[in-house]
Amino acid sequence: MKRNLLILTGALALSLNLSAAILPPEQLLPADTLALFTVPDAAKANALQTNEPAWQLWSDPALKPFRDKLENKFNEEFVKPLERELGIKFADYSGLARASGRSRSS
């Protein structure tokens, strides 16, 4: 009994010391990946973006009708056909940057 416990404890200790090499993103993703963007700190990047003059112009209420029309046309002519072709919904992936940022900081 003690021998089995000692063997089990030794095996557990050895398994904790083993670690796999972390592969670069190019080797983790399939060959048909369209694009990959990485941002080390998404919260900081978002805070910096909101202070940019171009973002403030884009967020201006006077530009809202133009922005809505442009976004609708972009979605209808580009996003929806691409979603149909790829069989995915981009909305399903919109929270990934925020989710992965939270999991790293925890």
PDB file of N, CA and C in Angstrom:
ATOM      1  N   MET A   1       0.824  -1.194   0.000  1.00  0.00           N
ATOM      2  CA  MET A   1       0.000   0.000   0.000  1.00  0.00           C
ATOM      3  C   MET A   1       0.869   1.259   0.000  1.00  0.00           C
ATOM      4  N   LYS A   2       1.871   1.290   0.915  1.00  0.00           N
ATOM      5  CA  LYS A   2       2.754   2.453   0.962  1.00  0.00           C
ATOM      6  C   LYS A   2       3.561   2.576  -0.330  1.00  0.00           C
ATOM      7  N   ARG A   3       3.937   1.428  -0.885  1.00  0.00           N
ATOM      8  CA  ARG A   3       4.718   1.427  -2.116  1.00  0.00           C
ATOM      9  C   ARG A   3       3.899   2.027  -3.262  1.00  0.00           C
ATOM     10  N   ASN A   4       2.631   1.658  -3.372  1.00  0.00           N
ATOM     11  CA  ASN A   4       1.757   2.201  -4.415  1.00  0.00           C
ATOM     12  C   ASN A   4       1.568   3.707  -4.255  1.00  0.00           C
ATOM     13  N   LEU A   5       1.400   4.145  -3.006  1.00  0.00           N
ATOM     14  CA  LEU A   5       1.240   5.573  -2.730  1.00  0.00           C
ATOM     15  C   LEU A   5       2.501   6.342  -3.094  1.00  0.00           C
ATOM     16  N   LEU A   6       3.658   5.758  -2.808  1.00  0.00           N
ATOM     17  CA  LEU A   6       4.933   6.392  -3.130  1.00  0.00           C
ATOM     18  C   LEU A   6       5.115   6.483  -4.651  1.00  0.00           C
ATOM     19  N   ILE A   7       4.772   5.425  -5.352  1.00  0.00           N
ATOM     20  CA  ILE A   7       4.874   5.428  -6.815  1.00  0.00           C
ATOM     21  C   ILE A   7       3.922   6.465  -7.413  1.00  0.00           C
ATOM     22  N   LEU A   8       2.694   6.514  -6.908  1.00  0.00           N
ATOM     23  CA  LEU A   8       1.714   7.478  -7.392  1.00  0.00           C
ATOM     24  C   LEU A   8       2.173   8.911  -7.134  1.00  0.00           C
ATOM     25  N   THR A   9       2.712   9.169  -5.956  1.00  0.00           N
ATOM     26  CA  THR A   9       3.208  10.503  -5.612  1.00  0.00           C
ATOM     27  C   THR A   9       4.385  10.883  -6.509  1.00  0.00           C
ATOM     28  N   GLY A  10       5.284   9.938  -6.753  1.00  0.00           N
ATOM     29  CA  GLY A  10       6.433  10.193  -7.630  1.00  0.00           C
ATOM     30  C   GLY A  10       5.992  10.486  -9.056  1.00  0.00           C
ATOM     31  N   ALA A  11       5.035   9.712  -9.559  1.00  0.00           N
ATOM     32  CA  ALA A  11       4.536   9.938 -10.919  1.00  0.00           C
ATOM     33  C   ALA A  11       3.856  11.301 -11.034  1.00  0.00           C
ATOM     34  N   LEU A  12       3.100  11.686 -10.017  1.00  0.00           N
ATOM     35  CA  LEU A  12       2.441  12.988 -10.019  1.00  0.00           C
ATOM     36  C   LEU A  12       3.469  14.112 -10.000  1.00  0.00           C
ATOM     37  N   ALA A  13       4.515  13.971  -9.184  1.00  0.00           N
ATOM     38  CA  ALA A  13       5.553  14.996  -9.114  1.00  0.00           C
ATOM     39  C   ALA A  13       6.279  15.136 -10.450  1.00  0.00           C
ATOM     40  N   LEU A  14       6.550  14.029 -11.119  1.00  0.00           N
ATOM     41  CA  LEU A  14       7.208  14.083 -12.423  1.00  0.00           C
ATOM     42  C   LEU A  14       6.318  14.720 -13.474  1.00  0.00           C
ATOM     43  N   SER A  15       5.026  14.423 -13.426  1.00  0.00           N
ATOM     44  CA  SER A  15       4.118  14.983 -14.426  1.00  0.00           C
ATOM     45  C   SER A  15       3.947  16.485 -14.253  1.00  0.00           C
ATOM     46  N   LEU A  16       4.066  16.984 -13.034  1.00  0.00           N
ATOM     47  CA  LEU A  16       3.945  18.425 -12.809  1.00  0.00           C
ATOM     48  C   LEU A  16       5.155  19.173 -13.348  1.00  0.00           C
ATOM     49  N   ASN A  17       6.302  18.532 -13.385  1.00  0.00           N
ATOM     50  CA  ASN A  17       7.520  19.187 -13.866  1.00  0.00           C
ATOM     51  C   ASN A  17       7.623  19.188 -15.382  1.00  0.00           C
ATOM     52  N   LEU A  18       6.864  18.341 -16.047  1.00  0.00           N
ATOM     53  CA  LEU A  18       6.893  18.296 -17.505  1.00  0.00           C
ATOM     54  C   LEU A  18       6.070  19.447 -18.058  1.00  0.00           C
ATOM     55  N   SER A  19       6.616  20.123 -19.050  1.00  0.00           N
ATOM     56  CA  SER A  19       5.848  21.194 -19.685  1.00  0.00           C
ATOM     57  C   SER A  19       6.057  21.120 -21.193  1.00  0.00           C
ATOM     58  N   ALA A  20       5.027  21.424 -21.911  1.00  0.00           N
ATOM     59  CA  ALA A  20       5.097  21.390 -23.369  1.00  0.00           C
ATOM     60  C   ALA A  20       5.633  22.714 -23.880  1.00  0.00           C
ATOM     61  N   ALA A  21       6.321  22.669 -24.986  1.00  0.00           N
ATOM     62  CA  ALA A  21       6.798  23.890 -25.617  1.00  0.00           C
ATOM     63  C   ALA A  21       5.610  24.642 -26.204  1.00  0.00           C
ATOM     64  N   ILE A  22       5.630  25.949 -26.071  1.00  0.00           N
ATOM     65  CA  ILE A  22       4.552  26.772 -26.613  1.00  0.00           C
ATOM     66  C   ILE A  22       4.896  27.118 -28.056  1.00  0.00           C
ATOM     67  N   LEU A  23       4.054  26.668 -28.956  1.00  0.00           N
ATOM     68  CA  LEU A  23       4.283  26.899 -30.374  1.00  0.00           C
ATOM     69  C   LEU A  23       3.871  28.311 -30.770  1.00  0.00           C
ATOM     70  N   PRO A  24       4.528  28.881 -31.784  1.00  0.00           N
ATOM     71  CA  PRO A  24       4.094  30.194 -32.285  1.00  0.00           C
ATOM     72  C   PRO A  24       2.743  30.060 -32.985  1.00  0.00           C
ATOM     73  N   PRO A  25       1.989  31.157 -33.067  1.00  0.00           N
ATOM     74  CA  PRO A  25       0.649  31.112 -33.673  1.00  0.00           C
ATOM     75  C   PRO A  25       0.630  30.532 -35.080  1.00  0.00           C
ATOM     76  N   GLU A  26       1.700  30.756 -35.867  1.00  0.00           N
ATOM     77  CA  GLU A  26       1.729  30.243 -37.239  1.00  0.00           C
ATOM     78  C   GLU A  26       1.611  28.719 -37.268  1.00  0.00           C
ATOM     79  N   GLN A  27       2.130  28.064 -36.240  1.00  0.00           N
ATOM     80  CA  GLN A  27       2.085  26.609 -36.205  1.00  0.00           C
ATOM     81  C   GLN A  27       0.845  26.083 -35.497  1.00  0.00           C
ATOM     82  N   LEU A  28       0.160  26.914 -34.732  1.00  0.00           N
ATOM     83  CA  LEU A  28      -1.043  26.493 -34.031  1.00  0.00           C
ATOM     84  C   LEU A  28      -2.283  26.536 -34.916  1.00  0.00           C
ATOM     85  N   LEU A  29      -2.286  27.452 -35.857  1.00  0.00           N
ATOM     86  CA  LEU A  29      -3.467  27.689 -36.677  1.00  0.00           C
ATOM     87  C   LEU A  29      -3.436  26.845 -37.943  1.00  0.00           C
ATOM     88  N   PRO A  30      -4.609  26.480 -38.450  1.00  0.00           N
ATOM     89  CA  PRO A  30      -4.651  25.715 -39.706  1.00  0.00           C
ATOM     90  C   PRO A  30      -4.165  26.553 -40.892  1.00  0.00           C
ATOM     91  N   ALA A  31      -3.792  25.881 -41.946  1.00  0.00           N
ATOM     92  CA  ALA A  31      -3.237  26.549 -43.128  1.00  0.00           C
ATOM     93  C   ALA A  31      -4.245  27.477 -43.803  1.00  0.00           C
ATOM     94  N   ASP A  32      -5.552  27.235 -43.630  1.00  0.00           N
ATOM     95  CA  ASP A  32      -6.555  28.072 -44.286  1.00  0.00           C
ATOM     96  C   ASP A  32      -7.009  29.256 -43.443  1.00  0.00           C
ATOM     97  N   THR A  33      -6.251  29.610 -42.425  1.00  0.00           N
ATOM     98  CA  THR A  33      -6.568  30.766 -41.590  1.00  0.00           C
ATOM     99  C   THR A  33      -6.442  32.037 -42.425  1.00  0.00           C
ATOM    100  N   LEU A  34      -7.477  32.878 -42.391  1.00  0.00           N
ATOM    101  CA  LEU A  34      -7.483  34.102 -43.187  1.00  0.00           C
ATOM    102  C   LEU A  34      -6.608  35.191 -42.582  1.00  0.00           C
ATOM    103  N   ALA A  35      -6.734  35.411 -41.272  1.00  0.00           N
ATOM    104  CA  ALA A  35      -5.980  36.480 -40.633  1.00  0.00           C
ATOM    105  C   ALA A  35      -5.903  36.235 -39.135  1.00  0.00           C
ATOM    106  N   LEU A  36      -4.877  36.779 -38.518  1.00  0.00           N
ATOM    107  CA  LEU A  36      -4.714  36.714 -37.072  1.00  0.00           C
ATOM    108  C   LEU A  36      -4.119  38.031 -36.613  1.00  0.00           C
ATOM    109  N   PHE A  37      -4.779  38.647 -35.669  1.00  0.00           N
ATOM    110  CA  PHE A  37      -4.286  39.883 -35.086  1.00  0.00           C
ATOM    111  C   PHE A  37      -4.055  39.653 -33.610  1.00  0.00           C
ATOM    112  N   THR A  38      -2.941  40.120 -33.100  1.00  0.00           N
ATOM    113  CA  THR A  38      -2.678  39.996 -31.675  1.00  0.00           C
ATOM    114  C   THR A  38      -2.440  41.386 -31.092  1.00  0.00           C
ATOM    115  N   VAL A  39      -2.992  41.604 -29.926  1.00  0.00           N
ATOM    116  CA  VAL A  39      -2.806  42.845 -29.191  1.00  0.00           C
ATOM    117  C   VAL A  39      -2.453  42.438 -27.767  1.00  0.00           C
ATOM    118  N   PRO A  40      -1.254  42.771 -27.301  1.00  0.00           N
ATOM    119  CA  PRO A  40      -0.839  42.319 -25.981  1.00  0.00           C
ATOM    120  C   PRO A  40      -1.762  42.771 -24.846  1.00  0.00           C
ATOM    121  N   ASP A  41      -2.255  43.996 -24.903  1.00  0.00           N
ATOM    122  CA  ASP A  41      -3.137  44.505 -23.853  1.00  0.00           C
ATOM    123  C   ASP A  41      -4.337  45.175 -24.522  1.00  0.00           C
ATOM    124  N   ALA A  42      -5.416  44.410 -24.688  1.00  0.00           N
ATOM    125  CA  ALA A  42      -6.588  44.904 -25.414  1.00  0.00           C
ATOM    126  C   ALA A  42      -7.249  46.082 -24.700  1.00  0.00           C
ATOM    127  N   ALA A  43      -7.287  46.060 -23.378  1.00  0.00           N
ATOM    128  CA  ALA A  43      -7.925  47.156 -22.635  1.00  0.00           C
ATOM    129  C   ALA A  43      -7.159  48.465 -22.851  1.00  0.00           C
ATOM    130  N   LYS A  44      -5.843  48.390 -22.813  1.00  0.00           N
ATOM    131  CA  LYS A  44      -5.028  49.588 -23.020  1.00  0.00           C
ATOM    132  C   LYS A  44      -5.168  50.095 -24.455  1.00  0.00           C
ATOM    133  N   ALA A  45      -5.174  49.185 -25.422  1.00  0.00           N
ATOM    134  CA  ALA A  45      -5.335  49.570 -26.824  1.00  0.00           C
ATOM    135  C   ALA A  45      -6.691  50.240 -27.047  1.00  0.00           C
ATOM    136  N   ASN A  46      -7.730  49.725 -26.412  1.00  0.00           N
ATOM    137  CA  ASN A  46      -9.060  50.309 -26.552  1.00  0.00           C
ATOM    138  C   ASN A  46      -9.104  51.711 -25.931  1.00  0.00           C
ATOM    139  N   ALA A  47      -8.462  51.881 -24.775  1.00  0.00           N
ATOM    140  CA  ALA A  47      -8.431  53.197 -24.129  1.00  0.00           C
ATOM    141  C   ALA A  47      -7.677  54.208 -24.998  1.00  0.00           C
ATOM    142  N   LEU A  48      -6.578  53.789 -25.614  1.00  0.00           N
ATOM    143  CA  LEU A  48      -5.825  54.686 -26.486  1.00  0.00           C
ATOM    144  C   LEU A  48      -6.629  55.049 -27.731  1.00  0.00           C
ATOM    145  N   GLN A  49      -7.361  54.095 -28.250  1.00  0.00           N
ATOM    146  CA  GLN A  49      -8.144  54.312 -29.467  1.00  0.00           C
ATOM    147  C   GLN A  49      -9.232  55.356 -29.251  1.00  0.00           C
ATOM    148  N   THR A  50      -9.886  55.330 -28.107  1.00  0.00           N
ATOM    149  CA  THR A  50     -11.000  56.255 -27.869  1.00  0.00           C
ATOM    150  C   THR A  50     -10.534  57.709 -27.768  1.00  0.00           C
ATOM    151  N   ASN A  51      -9.246  57.934 -27.522  1.00  0.00           N
ATOM    152  CA  ASN A  51      -8.722  59.297 -27.438  1.00  0.00           C
ATOM    153  C   ASN A  51      -8.216  59.824 -28.780  1.00  0.00           C
ATOM    154  N   GLU A  52      -8.189  58.993 -29.787  1.00  0.00           N
ATOM    155  CA  GLU A  52      -7.715  59.407 -31.102  1.00  0.00           C
ATOM    156  C   GLU A  52      -8.735  60.333 -31.770  1.00  0.00           C
ATOM    157  N   PRO A  53      -8.269  61.379 -32.463  1.00  0.00           N
ATOM    158  CA  PRO A  53      -9.196  62.295 -33.142  1.00  0.00           C
ATOM    159  C   PRO A  53     -10.092  61.601 -34.173  1.00  0.00           C
ATOM    160  N   ALA A  54      -9.548  60.643 -34.899  1.00  0.00           N
ATOM    161  CA  ALA A  54     -10.366  59.942 -35.904  1.00  0.00           C
ATOM    162  C   ALA A  54     -11.506  59.176 -35.238  1.00  0.00           C
ATOM    163  N   TRP A  55     -11.242  58.563 -34.090  1.00  0.00           N
ATOM    164  CA  TRP A  55     -12.292  57.827 -33.374  1.00  0.00           C
ATOM    165  C   TRP A  55     -13.339  58.788 -32.827  1.00  0.00           C
ATOM    166  N   GLN A  56     -12.899  59.936 -32.333  1.00  0.00           N
ATOM    167  CA  GLN A  56     -13.842  60.926 -31.816  1.00  0.00           C
ATOM    168  C   GLN A  56     -14.735  61.459 -32.937  1.00  0.00           C
ATOM    169  N   LEU A  57     -14.161  61.655 -34.130  1.00  0.00           N
ATOM    170  CA  LEU A  57     -14.965  62.075 -35.273  1.00  0.00           C
ATOM    171  C   LEU A  57     -15.974  60.988 -35.635  1.00  0.00           C
ATOM    172  N   TRP A  58     -15.524  59.734 -35.671  1.00  0.00           N
ATOM    173  CA  TRP A  58     -16.401  58.610 -36.012  1.00  0.00           C
ATOM    174  C   TRP A  58     -17.543  58.470 -35.003  1.00  0.00           C
ATOM    175  N   SER A  59     -17.285  58.821 -33.744  1.00  0.00           N
ATOM    176  CA  SER A  59     -18.286  58.706 -32.683  1.00  0.00           C
ATOM    177  C   SER A  59     -19.183  59.942 -32.558  1.00  0.00           C
ATOM    178  N   ASP A  60     -18.900  60.975 -33.321  1.00  0.00           N
ATOM    179  CA  ASP A  60     -19.680  62.210 -33.248  1.00  0.00           C
ATOM    180  C   ASP A  60     -21.132  61.957 -33.657  1.00  0.00           C
ATOM    181  N   PRO A  61     -22.100  62.434 -32.866  1.00  0.00           N
ATOM    182  CA  PRO A  61     -23.516  62.226 -33.196  1.00  0.00           C
ATOM    183  C   PRO A  61     -23.921  62.788 -34.566  1.00  0.00           C
ATOM    184  N   ALA A  62     -23.256  63.826 -35.027  1.00  0.00           N
ATOM    185  CA  ALA A  62     -23.580  64.398 -36.336  1.00  0.00           C
ATOM    186  C   ALA A  62     -23.235  63.430 -37.474  1.00  0.00           C
ATOM    187  N   LEU A  63     -22.320  62.519 -37.232  1.00  0.00           N
ATOM    188  CA  LEU A  63     -21.896  61.563 -38.244  1.00  0.00           C
ATOM    189  C   LEU A  63     -22.688  60.263 -38.191  1.00  0.00           C
ATOM    190  N   LYS A  64     -23.582  60.135 -37.206  1.00  0.00           N
ATOM    191  CA  LYS A  64     -24.315  58.889 -36.995  1.00  0.00           C
ATOM    192  C   LYS A  64     -25.096  58.411 -38.221  1.00  0.00           C
ATOM    193  N   PRO A  65     -25.853  59.236 -38.930  1.00  0.00           N
ATOM    194  CA  PRO A  65     -26.570  58.728 -40.118  1.00  0.00           C
ATOM    195  C   PRO A  65     -25.629  58.142 -41.175  1.00  0.00           C
ATOM    196  N   PHE A  66     -24.525  58.839 -41.432  1.00  0.00           N
ATOM    197  CA  PHE A  66     -23.551  58.342 -42.396  1.00  0.00           C
ATOM    198  C   PHE A  66     -22.933  57.030 -41.922  1.00  0.00           C
ATOM    199  N   ARG A  67     -22.537  56.988 -40.654  1.00  0.00           N
ATOM    200  CA  ARG A  67     -21.905  55.794 -40.082  1.00  0.00           C
ATOM    201  C   ARG A  67     -22.848  54.596 -40.145  1.00  0.00           C
ATOM    202  N   ASP A  68     -24.123  54.806 -39.783  1.00  0.00           N
ATOM    203  CA  ASP A  68     -25.095  53.710 -39.822  1.00  0.00           C
ATOM    204  C   ASP A  68     -25.291  53.180 -41.241  1.00  0.00           C
ATOM    205  N   LYS A  69     -25.387  54.091 -42.205  1.00  0.00           N
ATOM    206  CA  LYS A  69     -25.567  53.679 -43.603  1.00  0.00           C
ATOM    207  C   LYS A  69     -24.348  52.902 -44.095  1.00  0.00           C
ATOM    208  N   LEU A  70     -23.153  53.392 -43.782  1.00  0.00           N
ATOM    209  CA  LEU A  70     -21.923  52.727 -44.187  1.00  0.00           C
ATOM    210  C   LEU A  70     -21.796  51.351 -43.538  1.00  0.00           C
ATOM    211  N   GLU A  71     -22.090  51.257 -42.248  1.00  0.00           N
ATOM    212  CA  GLU A  71     -22.004  49.970 -41.547  1.00  0.00           C
ATOM    213  C   GLU A  71     -23.013  48.966 -42.099  1.00  0.00           C
ATOM    214  N   ASN A  72     -24.224  49.415 -42.386  1.00  0.00           N
ATOM    215  CA  ASN A  72     -25.240  48.522 -42.956  1.00  0.00           C
ATOM    216  C   ASN A  72     -24.821  48.015 -44.339  1.00  0.00           C
ATOM    217  N   LYS A  73     -24.317  48.913 -45.168  1.00  0.00           N
ATOM    218  CA  LYS A  73     -23.875  48.518 -46.514  1.00  0.00           C
ATOM    219  C   LYS A  73     -22.697  47.547 -46.426  1.00  0.00           C
ATOM    220  N   PHE A  74     -21.755  47.804 -45.541  1.00  0.00           N
ATOM    221  CA  PHE A  74     -20.603  46.924 -45.351  1.00  0.00           C
ATOM    222  C   PHE A  74     -21.064  45.539 -44.901  1.00  0.00           C
ATOM    223  N   ASN A  75     -21.991  45.501 -43.948  1.00  0.00           N
ATOM    224  CA  ASN A  75     -22.506  44.212 -43.469  1.00  0.00           C
ATOM    225  C   ASN A  75     -23.243  43.453 -44.564  1.00  0.00           C
ATOM    226  N   GLU A  76     -24.068  44.153 -45.329  1.00  0.00           N
ATOM    227  CA  GLU A  76     -24.855  43.496 -46.376  1.00  0.00           C
ATOM    228  C   GLU A  76     -23.992  42.991 -47.531  1.00  0.00           C
ATOM    229  N   GLU A  77     -23.000  43.788 -47.931  1.00  0.00           N
ATOM    230  CA  GLU A  77     -22.227  43.445 -49.127  1.00  0.00           C
ATOM    231  C   GLU A  77     -20.957  42.649 -48.856  1.00  0.00           C
ATOM    232  N   PHE A  78     -20.467  42.677 -47.613  1.00  0.00           N
ATOM    233  CA  PHE A  78     -19.210  41.988 -47.337  1.00  0.00           C
ATOM    234  C   PHE A  78     -19.344  40.941 -46.239  1.00  0.00           C
ATOM    235  N   VAL A  79     -19.836  41.338 -45.079  1.00  0.00           N
ATOM    236  CA  VAL A  79     -19.857  40.444 -43.922  1.00  0.00           C
ATOM    237  C   VAL A  79     -20.812  39.271 -44.114  1.00  0.00           C
ATOM    238  N   LYS A  80     -22.058  39.551 -44.485  1.00  0.00           N
ATOM    239  CA  LYS A  80     -23.034  38.461 -44.627  1.00  0.00           C
ATOM    240  C   LYS A  80     -22.652  37.445 -45.697  1.00  0.00           C
ATOM    241  N   PRO A  81     -22.202  37.870 -46.898  1.00  0.00           N
ATOM    242  CA  PRO A  81     -21.757  36.859 -47.875  1.00  0.00           C
ATOM    243  C   PRO A  81     -20.560  36.032 -47.376  1.00  0.00           C
ATOM    244  N   LEU A  82     -19.647  36.695 -46.675  1.00  0.00           N
ATOM    245  CA  LEU A  82     -18.485  35.974 -46.136  1.00  0.00           C
ATOM    246  C   LEU A  82     -18.909  34.979 -45.059  1.00  0.00           C
ATOM    247  N   GLU A  83     -19.854  35.376 -44.214  1.00  0.00           N
ATOM    248  CA  GLU A  83     -20.373  34.463 -43.184  1.00  0.00           C
ATOM    249  C   GLU A  83     -21.049  33.251 -43.832  1.00  0.00           C
ATOM    250  N   ARG A  84     -21.836  33.493 -44.884  1.00  0.00           N
ATOM    251  CA  ARG A  84     -22.488  32.372 -45.581  1.00  0.00           C
ATOM    252  C   ARG A  84     -21.452  31.437 -46.196  1.00  0.00           C
ATOM    253  N   GLU A  85     -20.437  32.014 -46.826  1.00  0.00           N
ATOM    254  CA  GLU A  85     -19.416  31.214 -47.501  1.00  0.00           C
ATOM    255  C   GLU A  85     -18.604  30.389 -46.505  1.00  0.00           C
ATOM    256  N   LEU A  86     -18.254  30.993 -45.364  1.00  0.00           N
ATOM    257  CA  LEU A  86     -17.429  30.306 -44.375  1.00  0.00           C
ATOM    258  C   LEU A  86     -18.250  29.483 -43.396  1.00  0.00           C
ATOM    259  N   GLY A  87     -19.557  29.736 -43.332  1.00  0.00           N
ATOM    260  CA  GLY A  87     -20.416  29.008 -42.406  1.00  0.00           C
ATOM    261  C   GLY A  87     -20.210  29.407 -40.953  1.00  0.00           C
ATOM    262  N   ILE A  88     -19.897  30.681 -40.721  1.00  0.00           N
ATOM    263  CA  ILE A  88     -19.678  31.172 -39.356  1.00  0.00           C
ATOM    264  C   ILE A  88     -20.458  32.462 -39.146  1.00  0.00           C
ATOM    265  N   LYS A  89     -20.513  32.898 -37.906  1.00  0.00           N
ATOM    266  CA  LYS A  89     -21.075  34.198 -37.546  1.00  0.00           C
ATOM    267  C   LYS A  89     -19.974  34.979 -36.836  1.00  0.00           C
ATOM    268  N   PHE A  90     -19.583  36.121 -37.388  1.00  0.00           N
ATOM    269  CA  PHE A  90     -18.534  36.918 -36.780  1.00  0.00           C
ATOM    270  C   PHE A  90     -18.927  37.405 -35.387  1.00  0.00           C
ATOM    271  N   ALA A  91     -20.211  37.576 -35.137  1.00  0.00           N
ATOM    272  CA  ALA A  91     -20.680  38.020 -33.824  1.00  0.00           C
ATOM    273  C   ALA A  91     -20.309  37.006 -32.739  1.00  0.00           C
ATOM    274  N   ASP A  92     -20.203  35.725 -33.113  1.00  0.00           N
ATOM    275  CA  ASP A  92     -19.826  34.700 -32.137  1.00  0.00           C
ATOM    276  C   ASP A  92     -18.397  34.898 -31.639  1.00  0.00           C
ATOM    277  N   TYR A  93     -17.567  35.589 -32.410  1.00  0.00           N
ATOM    278  CA  TYR A  93     -16.157  35.760 -32.072  1.00  0.00           C
ATOM    279  C   TYR A  93     -15.823  37.160 -31.560  1.00  0.00           C
ATOM    280  N   SER A  94     -16.800  38.029 -31.472  1.00  0.00           N
ATOM    281  CA  SER A  94     -16.519  39.424 -31.122  1.00  0.00           C
ATOM    282  C   SER A  94     -15.985  39.605 -29.701  1.00  0.00           C
ATOM    283  N   GLY A  95     -16.307  38.719 -28.792  1.00  0.00           N
ATOM    284  CA  GLY A  95     -15.842  38.862 -27.413  1.00  0.00           C
ATOM    285  C   GLY A  95     -14.549  38.135 -27.103  1.00  0.00           C
ATOM    286  N   LEU A  96     -13.926  37.521 -28.076  1.00  0.00           N
ATOM    287  CA  LEU A  96     -12.721  36.742 -27.804  1.00  0.00           C
ATOM    288  C   LEU A  96     -11.569  37.573 -27.259  1.00  0.00           C
ATOM    289  N   ALA A  97     -11.356  38.751 -27.781  1.00  0.00           N
ATOM    290  CA  ALA A  97     -10.235  39.572 -27.320  1.00  0.00           C
ATOM    291  C   ALA A  97     -10.410  39.935 -25.855  1.00  0.00           C
ATOM    292  N   ARG A  98     -11.597  40.328 -25.494  1.00  0.00           N
ATOM    293  CA  ARG A  98     -11.838  40.676 -24.094  1.00  0.00           C
ATOM    294  C   ARG A  98     -11.779  39.445 -23.212  1.00  0.00           C
ATOM    295  N   ALA A  99     -12.296  38.319 -23.680  1.00  0.00           N
ATOM    296  CA  ALA A  99     -12.310  37.097 -22.865  1.00  0.00           C
ATOM    297  C   ALA A  99     -10.899  36.583 -22.646  1.00  0.00           C
ATOM    298  N   SER A 100     -10.058  36.579 -23.684  1.00  0.00           N
ATOM    299  CA  SER A 100      -8.710  36.067 -23.517  1.00  0.00           C
ATOM    300  C   SER A 100      -7.893  37.009 -22.638  1.00  0.00           C
ATOM    301  N   GLY A 101      -8.145  38.294 -22.700  1.00  0.00           N
ATOM    302  CA  GLY A 101      -7.436  39.240 -21.838  1.00  0.00           C
ATOM    303  C   GLY A 101      -7.760  39.031 -20.377  1.00  0.00           C
ATOM    304  N   ARG A 102      -9.031  38.725 -20.072  1.00  0.00           N
ATOM    305  CA  ARG A 102      -9.426  38.486 -18.685  1.00  0.00           C
ATOM    306  C   ARG A 102      -8.819  37.184 -18.171  1.00  0.00           C
ATOM    307  N   SER A 103      -8.759  36.155 -18.995  1.00  0.00           N
ATOM    308  CA  SER A 103      -8.266  34.876 -18.517  1.00  0.00           C
ATOM    309  C   SER A 103      -6.777  34.935 -18.211  1.00  0.00           C
ATOM    310  N   ARG A 104      -6.025  35.765 -18.947  1.00  0.00           N
ATOM    311  CA  ARG A 104      -4.602  35.884 -18.660  1.00  0.00           C
ATOM    312  C   ARG A 104      -4.341  36.631 -17.366  1.00  0.00           C
ATOM    313  N   SER A 105      -5.125  37.627 -17.093  1.00  0.00           N
ATOM    314  CA  SER A 105      -4.888  38.440 -15.898  1.00  0.00           C
ATOM    315  C   SER A 105      -5.364  37.759 -14.632  1.00  0.00           C
ATOM    316  N   SER A 106      -6.223  36.746 -14.742  1.00  0.00           N
ATOM    317  CA  SER A 106      -6.742  36.051 -13.562  1.00  0.00           C
ATOM    318  C   SER A 106      -5.699  35.171 -12.941  1.00  0.00           C
TER     319      SER A 106
END
